[in-house]
Each structure stands twice: as structure tokens, then as C-alpha cells.
PDB file of all heavy atoms in Angstrom:
ATOM      1  N   ILE A   1      22.255   3.039  27.309  1.00  0.00           N
ATOM      2  CA  ILE A   1      21.575   2.029  26.516  1.00  0.00           C
ATOM      3  C   ILE A   1      20.114   2.375  26.274  1.00  0.00           C
ATOM      4  O   ILE A   1      19.481   2.927  27.227  1.00  0.00           O
ATOM      5  CB  ILE A   1      21.708   0.630  27.146  1.00  0.00           C
ATOM      6  CG1 ILE A   1      21.200  -0.477  26.218  1.00  0.00           C
ATOM      7  CG2 ILE A   1      21.034   0.566  28.494  1.00  0.00           C
ATOM      8  CD1 ILE A   1      21.502  -1.904  26.637  1.00  0.00           C
ATOM      9  N   SER A   2      19.576   2.112  25.121  1.00  0.00           N
ATOM     10  CA  SER A   2      18.125   2.399  24.840  1.00  0.00           C
ATOM     11  C   SER A   2      17.693   1.396  23.855  1.00  0.00           C
ATOM     12  O   SER A   2      18.453   0.708  23.213  1.00  0.00           O
ATOM     13  CB  SER A   2      17.978   3.872  24.275  1.00  0.00           C
ATOM     14  OG  SER A   2      18.712   4.035  23.108  1.00  0.00           O
ATOM     15  N   ARG A   3      16.318   1.309  23.718  1.00  0.00           N
ATOM     16  CA  ARG A   3      15.778   0.406  22.745  1.00  0.00           C
ATOM     17  C   ARG A   3      14.504   1.017  22.125  1.00  0.00           C
ATOM     18  O   ARG A   3      13.801   1.814  22.775  1.00  0.00           O
ATOM     19  CB  ARG A   3      15.474  -0.933  23.402  1.00  0.00           C
ATOM     20  CG  ARG A   3      14.457  -0.913  24.491  1.00  0.00           C
ATOM     21  CD  ARG A   3      14.423  -2.282  25.235  1.00  0.00           C
ATOM     22  NE  ARG A   3      13.928  -3.347  24.393  1.00  0.00           N
ATOM     23  CZ  ARG A   3      14.102  -4.612  24.708  1.00  0.00           C
ATOM     24  NH1 ARG A   3      14.620  -5.017  25.872  1.00  0.00           N
ATOM     25  NH2 ARG A   3      13.511  -5.595  23.962  1.00  0.00           N
ATOM     26  N   ASP A   4      14.197   0.581  20.926  1.00  0.00           N
ATOM     27  CA  ASP A   4      12.994   0.928  20.281  1.00  0.00           C
ATOM     28  C   ASP A   4      12.302  -0.372  19.958  1.00  0.00           C
ATOM     29  O   ASP A   4      12.713  -1.047  19.026  1.00  0.00           O
ATOM     30  CB  ASP A   4      13.309   1.755  18.956  1.00  0.00           C
ATOM     31  CG  ASP A   4      12.083   2.243  18.271  1.00  0.00           C
ATOM     32  OD1 ASP A   4      11.031   1.558  18.341  1.00  0.00           O
ATOM     33  OD2 ASP A   4      12.132   3.258  17.610  1.00  0.00           O
ATOM     34  N   ASN A   5      11.314  -0.702  20.751  1.00  0.00           N
ATOM     35  CA  ASN A   5      10.704  -2.067  20.581  1.00  0.00           C
ATOM     36  C   ASN A   5       9.990  -2.202  19.261  1.00  0.00           C
ATOM     37  O   ASN A   5       9.931  -3.308  18.731  1.00  0.00           O
ATOM     38  CB  ASN A   5       9.742  -2.314  21.783  1.00  0.00           C
ATOM     39  CG  ASN A   5      10.523  -2.489  23.087  1.00  0.00           C
ATOM     40  OD1 ASN A   5      11.665  -2.900  23.042  1.00  0.00           O
ATOM     41  ND2 ASN A   5       9.905  -2.088  24.173  1.00  0.00           N
ATOM     42  N   ALA A   6       9.331  -1.074  18.732  1.00  0.00           N
ATOM     43  CA  ALA A   6       8.619  -1.143  17.495  1.00  0.00           C
ATOM     44  C   ALA A   6       9.546  -1.441  16.333  1.00  0.00           C
ATOM     45  O   ALA A   6       9.137  -2.157  15.392  1.00  0.00           O
ATOM     46  CB  ALA A   6       7.877   0.146  17.346  1.00  0.00           C
ATOM     47  N   LYS A   7      10.717  -0.950  16.502  1.00  0.00           N
ATOM     48  CA  LYS A   7      11.765  -1.170  15.343  1.00  0.00           C
ATOM     49  C   LYS A   7      12.644  -2.380  15.658  1.00  0.00           C
ATOM     50  O   LYS A   7      13.491  -2.664  14.794  1.00  0.00           O
ATOM     51  CB  LYS A   7      12.574   0.105  15.134  1.00  0.00           C
ATOM     52  CG  LYS A   7      11.773   1.294  14.665  1.00  0.00           C
ATOM     53  CD  LYS A   7      12.672   2.475  14.452  1.00  0.00           C
ATOM     54  CE  LYS A   7      11.904   3.673  13.968  1.00  0.00           C
ATOM     55  NZ  LYS A   7      12.751   4.946  13.739  1.00  0.00           N
ATOM     56  N   LYS A   8      12.545  -2.981  16.777  1.00  0.00           N
ATOM     57  CA  LYS A   8      13.451  -4.089  17.251  1.00  0.00           C
ATOM     58  C   LYS A   8      14.903  -3.627  17.140  1.00  0.00           C
ATOM     59  O   LYS A   8      15.732  -4.274  16.603  1.00  0.00           O
ATOM     60  CB  LYS A   8      13.154  -5.320  16.376  1.00  0.00           C
ATOM     61  CG  LYS A   8      11.835  -5.965  16.584  1.00  0.00           C
ATOM     62  CD  LYS A   8      11.786  -7.324  15.891  1.00  0.00           C
ATOM     63  CE  LYS A   8      10.478  -7.982  16.230  1.00  0.00           C
ATOM     64  NZ  LYS A   8      10.298  -9.312  15.497  1.00  0.00           N
ATOM     65  N   MET A   9      15.113  -2.499  17.741  1.00  0.00           N
ATOM     66  CA  MET A   9      16.510  -1.892  17.716  1.00  0.00           C
ATOM     67  C   MET A   9      16.933  -1.689  19.136  1.00  0.00           C
ATOM     68  O   MET A   9      16.154  -1.339  20.023  1.00  0.00           O
ATOM     69  CB  MET A   9      16.567  -0.536  16.988  1.00  0.00           C
ATOM     70  CG  MET A   9      16.229  -0.697  15.555  1.00  0.00           C
ATOM     71  SD  MET A   9      17.498  -1.502  14.561  1.00  0.00           S
ATOM     72  CE  MET A   9      18.863  -0.396  14.672  1.00  0.00           C
ATOM     73  N   VAL A  10      18.276  -1.870  19.342  1.00  0.00           N
ATOM     74  CA  VAL A  10      18.859  -1.534  20.674  1.00  0.00           C
ATOM     75  C   VAL A  10      20.075  -0.696  20.310  1.00  0.00           C
ATOM     76  O   VAL A  10      20.822  -0.929  19.320  1.00  0.00           O
ATOM     77  CB  VAL A  10      19.340  -2.822  21.425  1.00  0.00           C
ATOM     78  CG1 VAL A  10      19.924  -2.389  22.720  1.00  0.00           C
ATOM     79  CG2 VAL A  10      18.129  -3.758  21.586  1.00  0.00           C
ATOM     80  N   TYR A  11      20.288   0.332  21.161  1.00  0.00           N
ATOM     81  CA  TYR A  11      21.365   1.253  20.908  1.00  0.00           C
ATOM     82  C   TYR A  11      22.298   1.339  22.152  1.00  0.00           C
ATOM     83  O   TYR A  11      21.867   1.163  23.265  1.00  0.00           O
ATOM     84  CB  TYR A  11      20.855   2.633  20.601  1.00  0.00           C
ATOM     85  CG  TYR A  11      19.854   2.677  19.538  1.00  0.00           C
ATOM     86  CD1 TYR A  11      18.491   2.702  19.780  1.00  0.00           C
ATOM     87  CD2 TYR A  11      20.231   2.684  18.145  1.00  0.00           C
ATOM     88  CE1 TYR A  11      17.588   2.685  18.748  1.00  0.00           C
ATOM     89  CE2 TYR A  11      19.274   2.678  17.119  1.00  0.00           C
ATOM     90  CZ  TYR A  11      17.925   2.660  17.493  1.00  0.00           C
ATOM     91  OH  TYR A  11      17.017   2.664  16.392  1.00  0.00           O
ATOM     92  N   LEU A  12      23.538   1.740  21.891  1.00  0.00           N
ATOM     93  CA  LEU A  12      24.439   2.041  23.015  1.00  0.00           C
ATOM     94  C   LEU A  12      25.157   3.327  22.592  1.00  0.00           C
ATOM     95  O   LEU A  12      26.030   3.316  21.716  1.00  0.00           O
ATOM     96  CB  LEU A  12      25.480   0.896  23.228  1.00  0.00           C
ATOM     97  CG  LEU A  12      26.350   1.109  24.423  1.00  0.00           C
ATOM     98  CD1 LEU A  12      25.515   1.006  25.747  1.00  0.00           C
ATOM     99  CD2 LEU A  12      27.486   0.068  24.523  1.00  0.00           C
ATOM    100  N   GLN A  13      24.872   4.383  23.293  1.00  0.00           N
ATOM    101  CA  GLN A  13      25.556   5.672  23.150  1.00  0.00           C
ATOM    102  C   GLN A  13      26.713   5.718  24.065  1.00  0.00           C
ATOM    103  O   GLN A  13      26.516   5.571  25.237  1.00  0.00           O
ATOM    104  CB  GLN A  13      24.636   6.840  23.440  1.00  0.00           C
ATOM    105  CG  GLN A  13      25.264   8.199  23.319  1.00  0.00           C
ATOM    106  CD  GLN A  13      25.616   8.500  21.910  1.00  0.00           C
ATOM    107  OE1 GLN A  13      24.903   8.274  20.943  1.00  0.00           O
ATOM    108  NE2 GLN A  13      26.819   9.061  21.681  1.00  0.00           N
ATOM    109  N   MET A  14      27.882   5.855  23.498  1.00  0.00           N
ATOM    110  CA  MET A  14      29.131   5.878  24.275  1.00  0.00           C
ATOM    111  C   MET A  14      29.845   7.228  24.181  1.00  0.00           C
ATOM    112  O   MET A  14      30.225   7.605  23.136  1.00  0.00           O
ATOM    113  CB  MET A  14      30.072   4.737  23.808  1.00  0.00           C
ATOM    114  CG  MET A  14      29.389   3.377  23.735  1.00  0.00           C
ATOM    115  SD  MET A  14      30.544   2.008  23.292  1.00  0.00           S
ATOM    116  CE  MET A  14      30.895   2.476  21.614  1.00  0.00           C
ATOM    117  N   ASN A  15      29.886   7.852  25.348  1.00  0.00           N
ATOM    118  CA  ASN A  15      30.571   9.192  25.390  1.00  0.00           C
ATOM    119  C   ASN A  15      31.800   9.091  26.263  1.00  0.00           C
ATOM    120  O   ASN A  15      31.964   8.128  26.965  1.00  0.00           O
ATOM    121  CB  ASN A  15      29.525  10.252  25.941  1.00  0.00           C
ATOM    122  CG  ASN A  15      28.369  10.392  25.121  1.00  0.00           C
ATOM    123  OD1 ASN A  15      28.405  10.226  23.895  1.00  0.00           O
ATOM    124  ND2 ASN A  15      27.268  10.691  25.741  1.00  0.00           N
ATOM    125  N   SER A  16      32.665  10.120  26.146  1.00  0.00           N
ATOM    126  CA  SER A  16      33.927  10.168  26.870  1.00  0.00           C
ATOM    127  C   SER A  16      34.613   8.860  26.879  1.00  0.00           C
ATOM    128  O   SER A  16      35.074   8.335  27.891  1.00  0.00           O
ATOM    129  CB  SER A  16      33.555  10.559  28.343  1.00  0.00           C
ATOM    130  OG  SER A  16      32.847  11.750  28.462  1.00  0.00           O
ATOM    131  N   LEU A  17      34.860   8.342  25.659  1.00  0.00           N
ATOM    132  CA  LEU A  17      35.455   7.025  25.532  1.00  0.00           C
ATOM    133  C   LEU A  17      36.870   7.114  25.977  1.00  0.00           C
ATOM    134  O   LEU A  17      37.604   8.110  25.881  1.00  0.00           O
ATOM    135  CB  LEU A  17      35.354   6.597  24.078  1.00  0.00           C
ATOM    136  CG  LEU A  17      34.015   6.057  23.673  1.00  0.00           C
ATOM    137  CD1 LEU A  17      33.786   6.086  22.141  1.00  0.00           C
ATOM    138  CD2 LEU A  17      33.753   4.645  24.293  1.00  0.00           C
ATOM    139  N   LYS A  18      37.311   5.949  26.552  1.00  0.00           N
ATOM    140  CA  LYS A  18      38.694   5.753  27.075  1.00  0.00           C
ATOM    141  C   LYS A  18      39.338   4.696  26.305  1.00  0.00           C
ATOM    142  O   LYS A  18      38.739   3.749  25.826  1.00  0.00           O
ATOM    143  CB  LYS A  18      38.636   5.419  28.562  1.00  0.00           C
ATOM    144  CG  LYS A  18      37.893   6.464  29.359  1.00  0.00           C
ATOM    145  CD  LYS A  18      37.801   5.999  30.806  1.00  0.00           C
ATOM    146  CE  LYS A  18      37.032   6.987  31.714  1.00  0.00           C
ATOM    147  NZ  LYS A  18      36.917   6.481  33.113  1.00  0.00           N
ATOM    148  N   PRO A  19      40.663   4.639  26.244  1.00  0.00           N
ATOM    149  CA  PRO A  19      41.443   3.555  25.717  1.00  0.00           C
ATOM    150  C   PRO A  19      40.940   2.182  26.200  1.00  0.00           C
ATOM    151  O   PRO A  19      40.923   1.184  25.463  1.00  0.00           O
ATOM    152  CB  PRO A  19      42.849   3.821  25.943  1.00  0.00           C
ATOM    153  CG  PRO A  19      42.904   5.391  26.036  1.00  0.00           C
ATOM    154  CD  PRO A  19      41.620   5.714  26.689  1.00  0.00           C
ATOM    155  N   GLU A  20      40.686   2.127  27.453  1.00  0.00           N
ATOM    156  CA  GLU A  20      40.266   0.840  28.056  1.00  0.00           C
ATOM    157  C   GLU A  20      38.894   0.390  27.637  1.00  0.00           C
ATOM    158  O   GLU A  20      38.530  -0.753  27.984  1.00  0.00           O
ATOM    159  CB  GLU A  20      40.336   0.908  29.628  1.00  0.00           C
ATOM    160  CG  GLU A  20      39.598   2.064  30.188  1.00  0.00           C
ATOM    161  CD  GLU A  20      40.521   3.211  30.527  1.00  0.00           C
ATOM    162  OE1 GLU A  20      41.422   3.507  29.639  1.00  0.00           O
ATOM    163  OE2 GLU A  20      40.476   3.810  31.588  1.00  0.00           O
ATOM    164  N   ASP A  21      38.174   1.197  26.868  1.00  0.00           N
ATOM    165  CA  ASP A  21      36.951   0.794  26.314  1.00  0.00           C
ATOM    166  C   ASP A  21      37.115  -0.028  24.936  1.00  0.00           C
ATOM    167  O   ASP A  21      36.102  -0.575  24.390  1.00  0.00           O
ATOM    168  CB  ASP A  21      35.983   2.024  25.985  1.00  0.00           C
ATOM    169  CG  ASP A  21      35.560   2.712  27.285  1.00  0.00           C
ATOM    170  OD1 ASP A  21      35.242   2.024  28.231  1.00  0.00           O
ATOM    171  OD2 ASP A  21      35.557   3.991  27.223  1.00  0.00           O
ATOM    172  N   THR A  22      38.366  -0.038  24.491  1.00  0.00           N
ATOM    173  CA  THR A  22      38.618  -0.755  23.312  1.00  0.00           C
ATOM    174  C   THR A  22      38.288  -2.297  23.470  1.00  0.00           C
ATOM    175  O   THR A  22      38.670  -2.911  24.377  1.00  0.00           O
ATOM    176  CB  THR A  22      40.079  -0.642  22.943  1.00  0.00           C
ATOM    177  OG1 THR A  22      40.420   0.714  22.629  1.00  0.00           O
ATOM    178  CG2 THR A  22      40.491  -1.561  21.772  1.00  0.00           C
ATOM    179  N   ALA A  23      37.420  -2.777  22.542  1.00  0.00           N
ATOM    180  CA  ALA A  23      36.920  -4.104  22.639  1.00  0.00           C
ATOM    181  C   ALA A  23      36.053  -4.449  21.427  1.00  0.00           C
ATOM    182  O   ALA A  23      35.690  -3.513  20.695  1.00  0.00           O
ATOM    183  CB  ALA A  23      36.119  -4.371  23.914  1.00  0.00           C
ATOM    184  N   VAL A  24      35.704  -5.726  21.273  1.00  0.00           N
ATOM    185  CA  VAL A  24      34.644  -6.023  20.371  1.00  0.00           C
ATOM    186  C   VAL A  24      33.326  -5.990  21.194  1.00  0.00           C
ATOM    187  O   VAL A  24      33.268  -6.615  22.246  1.00  0.00           O
ATOM    188  CB  VAL A  24      34.835  -7.457  19.782  1.00  0.00           C
ATOM    189  CG1 VAL A  24      33.638  -7.843  18.904  1.00  0.00           C
ATOM    190  CG2 VAL A  24      36.126  -7.494  19.040  1.00  0.00           C
ATOM    191  N   TYR A  25      32.402  -5.314  20.654  1.00  0.00           N
ATOM    192  CA  TYR A  25      31.120  -5.120  21.420  1.00  0.00           C
ATOM    193  C   TYR A  25      30.063  -6.014  20.725  1.00  0.00           C
ATOM    194  O   TYR A  25      29.885  -6.051  19.467  1.00  0.00           O
ATOM    195  CB  TYR A  25      30.710  -3.645  21.330  1.00  0.00           C
ATOM    196  CG  TYR A  25      31.457  -2.781  22.306  1.00  0.00           C
ATOM    197  CD1 TYR A  25      32.792  -2.506  22.109  1.00  0.00           C
ATOM    198  CD2 TYR A  25      30.801  -2.315  23.469  1.00  0.00           C
ATOM    199  CE1 TYR A  25      33.455  -1.738  23.005  1.00  0.00           C
ATOM    200  CE2 TYR A  25      31.536  -1.560  24.369  1.00  0.00           C
ATOM    201  CZ  TYR A  25      32.849  -1.247  24.165  1.00  0.00           C
ATOM    202  OH  TYR A  25      33.520  -0.495  24.990  1.00  0.00           O
ATOM    203  N   TYR A  26      29.355  -6.768  21.519  1.00  0.00           N
ATOM    204  CA  TYR A  26      28.374  -7.701  21.074  1.00  0.00           C
ATOM    205  C   TYR A  26      26.978  -7.371  21.611  1.00  0.00           C
ATOM    206  O   TYR A  26      26.864  -7.011  22.829  1.00  0.00           O
ATOM    207  CB  TYR A  26      28.715  -9.139  21.557  1.00  0.00           C
ATOM    208  CG  TYR A  26      29.978  -9.660  21.179  1.00  0.00           C
ATOM    209  CD1 TYR A  26      31.135  -9.538  21.836  1.00  0.00           C
ATOM    210  CD2 TYR A  26      29.973 -10.412  19.912  1.00  0.00           C
ATOM    211  CE1 TYR A  26      32.376 -10.015  21.351  1.00  0.00           C
ATOM    212  CE2 TYR A  26      31.207 -11.020  19.422  1.00  0.00           C
ATOM    213  CZ  TYR A  26      32.420 -10.777  20.137  1.00  0.00           C
ATOM    214  OH  TYR A  26      33.525 -11.335  19.721  1.00  0.00           O
ATOM    215  N   CYS A  27      26.039  -7.421  20.777  1.00  0.00           N
ATOM    216  CA  CYS A  27      24.657  -7.345  21.126  1.00  0.00           C
ATOM    217  C   CYS A  27      24.059  -8.672  21.600  1.00  0.00           C
ATOM    218  O   CYS A  27      24.496  -9.641  20.879  1.00  0.00           O
ATOM    219  CB  CYS A  27      23.813  -6.788  20.013  1.00  0.00           C
ATOM    220  SG  CYS A  27      22.100  -6.622  20.286  1.00  0.00           S
ATOM    221  N   ALA A  28      23.283  -8.799  22.606  1.00  0.00           N
ATOM    222  CA  ALA A  28      22.818 -10.037  23.014  1.00  0.00           C
ATOM    223  C   ALA A  28      21.347  -9.959  23.460  1.00  0.00           C
ATOM    224  O   ALA A  28      20.869  -8.935  23.960  1.00  0.00           O
ATOM    225  CB  ALA A  28      23.641 -10.545  24.268  1.00  0.00           C
ATOM    226  N   LEU A  29      20.614 -11.043  23.142  1.00  0.00           N
ATOM    227  CA  LEU A  29      19.257 -11.158  23.631  1.00  0.00           C
ATOM    228  C   LEU A  29      19.378 -12.152  24.779  1.00  0.00           C
ATOM    229  O   LEU A  29      19.822 -13.300  24.608  1.00  0.00           O
ATOM    230  CB  LEU A  29      18.395 -11.689  22.517  1.00  0.00           C
ATOM    231  CG  LEU A  29      16.879 -11.800  22.826  1.00  0.00           C
ATOM    232  CD1 LEU A  29      16.007 -11.612  21.628  1.00  0.00           C
ATOM    233  CD2 LEU A  29      16.509 -13.147  23.559  1.00  0.00           C
ATOM    234  N   VAL A  30      18.953 -11.705  25.908  1.00  0.00           N
ATOM    235  CA  VAL A  30      19.043 -12.568  27.226  1.00  0.00           C
ATOM    236  C   VAL A  30      17.831 -13.352  27.288  1.00  0.00           C
ATOM    237  O   VAL A  30      16.663 -12.856  27.572  1.00  0.00           O
ATOM    238  CB  VAL A  30      19.226 -11.589  28.446  1.00  0.00           C
ATOM    239  CG1 VAL A  30      19.308 -12.476  29.685  1.00  0.00           C
ATOM    240  CG2 VAL A  30      20.462 -10.755  28.220  1.00  0.00           C
ATOM    241  N   GLY A  31      17.965 -14.654  27.033  1.00  0.00           N
ATOM    242  CA  GLY A  31      16.796 -15.527  27.071  1.00  0.00           C
ATOM    243  C   GLY A  31      17.191 -16.944  27.177  1.00  0.00           C
ATOM    244  O   GLY A  31      18.349 -17.295  27.567  1.00  0.00           O
ATOM    245  N   VAL A  32      16.298 -17.870  26.884  1.00  0.00           N
ATOM    246  CA  VAL A  32      16.580 -19.329  26.813  1.00  0.00           C
ATOM    247  C   VAL A  32      16.275 -19.733  25.467  1.00  0.00           C
ATOM    248  O   VAL A  32      15.113 -20.003  25.109  1.00  0.00           O
ATOM    249  CB  VAL A  32      15.824 -19.991  27.885  1.00  0.00           C
ATOM    250  CG1 VAL A  32      16.160 -21.536  27.842  1.00  0.00           C
ATOM    251  CG2 VAL A  32      16.066 -19.426  29.257  1.00  0.00           C
TER     252      VAL A  32
END
């Protein structure tokens, strides 16, 4: 996982993917 605060971007580089990684992936901002 990485982020570029200036661009307000978050990334997830996923390598060596497995069938069990199959899912809907959600981005979240952890706050109140």
C-alpha cells in the first residue's frame, strides 16, 4: 500500500495473486 498525499491518491500493488484474493476491494478513509 502507498499514498501520494499531494495528489490525494492511495494505491494497492498486488503481486503473486491467488484465487482466494478474489473479492470486491474497497478504499476507505478511517475517521469519524
